Amino acid sequence: MPVTPRPPLVHPDIDDVELVAVLHALADPTRLTIVRTLRGERERACGTFPVRVAPSTLSHHFRVLREAGVIRQREDGNRRWAMLRLAELDARFPSLIDIVLASATRG
């Protein structure tokens, strides 16, 4: 039986990224953990994050972050990798990610 390829991953152009969408994506504790983890790493395999959710739920969180423009994902064989779009986000919304992460830590 032939394998159906996955649809290509869609990433918004940074000029199309909206502040409200980024803040919505960062408002969830699981997604915030993903971003905090990526803040300290260049990229990470999607199934290796320190979160306790079902794989389908984790996929949903990655989709929300990707569609909001917070992360990029790439496929390598049967594995997906995620990376934070920090430089692009800092150019569009200076220090936003660091401010949100610092506020969440104090929260």
Protein backbone atom coordinates (compact mmCIF):
# COMPACT_ATOMS: atom_id res chain seq x y z
CA MET A 1 0.00 0.00 0.00
CA PRO A 2 1.54 3.37 -0.99
CA VAL A 3 2.30 5.85 1.75
CA THR A 4 0.52 9.18 1.43
CA PRO A 5 2.99 12.01 2.03
CA ARG A 6 2.20 14.52 4.72
CA PRO A 7 1.08 17.94 3.52
CA PRO A 8 3.86 20.54 3.53
CA LEU A 9 4.33 22.57 6.69
CA VAL A 10 3.09 26.15 6.32
CA HIS A 11 4.97 28.96 8.05
CA PRO A 12 3.70 32.54 7.90
CA ASP A 13 5.99 35.24 6.60
CA ILE A 14 7.23 37.27 9.57
CA ASP A 15 5.54 40.39 8.15
CA ASP A 16 2.21 38.56 8.40
CA VAL A 17 2.70 37.49 12.03
CA GLU A 18 0.25 39.28 14.31
CA LEU A 19 0.89 40.17 17.94
CA VAL A 20 -2.50 38.84 19.05
CA ALA A 21 -1.78 35.44 17.46
CA VAL A 22 1.64 35.24 19.13
CA LEU A 23 0.22 36.17 22.53
CA HIS A 24 -2.59 33.63 22.12
CA ALA A 25 -0.05 30.93 21.26
CA LEU A 26 2.04 31.82 24.32
CA ALA A 27 -0.96 31.86 26.67
CA ASP A 28 -1.04 28.07 27.09
CA PRO A 29 1.26 26.48 29.72
CA THR A 30 2.26 23.57 27.46
CA ARG A 31 3.12 25.88 24.58
CA LEU A 32 5.02 28.14 26.95
CA THR A 33 7.08 25.14 28.08
CA ILE A 34 7.84 24.33 24.44
CA VAL A 35 8.99 27.91 23.79
CA ARG A 36 11.02 28.04 27.02
CA THR A 37 12.74 24.79 26.03
CA LEU A 38 13.48 26.05 22.52
CA ARG A 39 14.80 29.36 23.90
CA GLY A 40 17.81 27.45 25.19
CA GLU A 41 18.39 25.25 22.13
CA ARG A 42 18.90 25.68 18.40
CA GLU A 43 16.30 23.04 17.56
CA ARG A 44 14.76 19.96 19.10
CA ALA A 45 12.94 16.87 17.90
CA CYS A 46 9.22 17.39 18.47
CA GLY A 47 8.69 14.20 20.45
CA THR A 48 11.37 15.04 23.04
CA PHE A 49 9.90 18.01 24.90
CA PRO A 50 9.40 17.85 28.68
CA VAL A 51 5.60 17.89 28.56
CA ARG A 52 3.05 15.29 29.59
CA VAL A 53 0.40 15.34 26.91
CA ALA A 54 -0.80 12.85 24.31
CA PRO A 55 1.07 12.91 20.99
CA SER A 56 -2.02 14.24 19.20
CA THR A 57 -2.29 17.08 21.73
CA LEU A 58 1.39 17.87 21.34
CA SER A 59 0.93 18.03 17.56
CA HIS A 60 -1.91 20.50 18.09
CA HIS A 61 0.31 22.72 20.27
CA PHE A 62 3.06 22.70 17.64
CA ARG A 63 0.53 23.62 14.95
CA VAL A 64 -0.74 26.59 16.99
CA LEU A 65 2.82 27.82 17.58
CA ARG A 66 3.78 27.32 13.92
CA GLU A 67 0.68 29.01 12.50
CA ALA A 68 1.16 31.95 14.90
CA GLY A 69 4.71 32.35 13.59
CA VAL A 70 6.44 31.49 16.87
CA ILE A 71 8.27 28.38 15.63
CA ARG A 72 9.46 26.77 12.44
CA GLN A 73 9.31 23.04 11.90
CA ARG A 74 11.17 20.85 9.47
CA GLU A 75 10.82 17.20 8.63
CA ASP A 76 13.72 14.78 8.61
CA GLY A 77 12.56 11.31 7.67
CA ASN A 78 9.75 10.41 10.05
CA ARG A 79 10.76 12.99 12.64
CA ARG A 80 9.83 16.65 12.93
CA TRP A 81 12.16 19.22 14.40
CA ALA A 82 11.13 22.56 15.91
CA MET A 83 13.05 25.80 16.26
CA LEU A 84 12.10 29.12 17.80
CA ARG A 85 11.94 32.05 15.35
CA LEU A 86 13.58 34.27 17.96
CA ALA A 87 15.59 36.60 15.72
CA GLU A 88 12.62 37.17 13.42
CA LEU A 89 10.23 37.71 16.34
CA ASP A 90 12.67 40.08 18.07
CA ALA A 91 12.91 42.13 14.88
CA ARG A 92 9.11 42.37 14.66
CA PHE A 93 8.27 42.54 18.40
CA PRO A 94 11.46 43.49 20.28
CA SER A 95 12.12 41.35 23.38
CA LEU A 96 8.56 39.97 23.41
CA ILE A 97 9.57 36.33 23.92
CA ASP A 98 12.00 37.15 26.73
CA ILE A 99 9.47 39.42 28.44
CA VAL A 100 6.74 36.76 28.30
CA LEU A 101 9.10 34.04 29.55
CA ALA A 102 10.35 36.24 32.40
CA SER A 103 6.80 37.19 33.38
CA ALA A 104 5.67 33.56 33.31
CA THR A 105 8.58 32.56 35.54
CA ARG A 106 7.63 35.20 38.12
CA GLY A 107 3.90 34.47 37.76
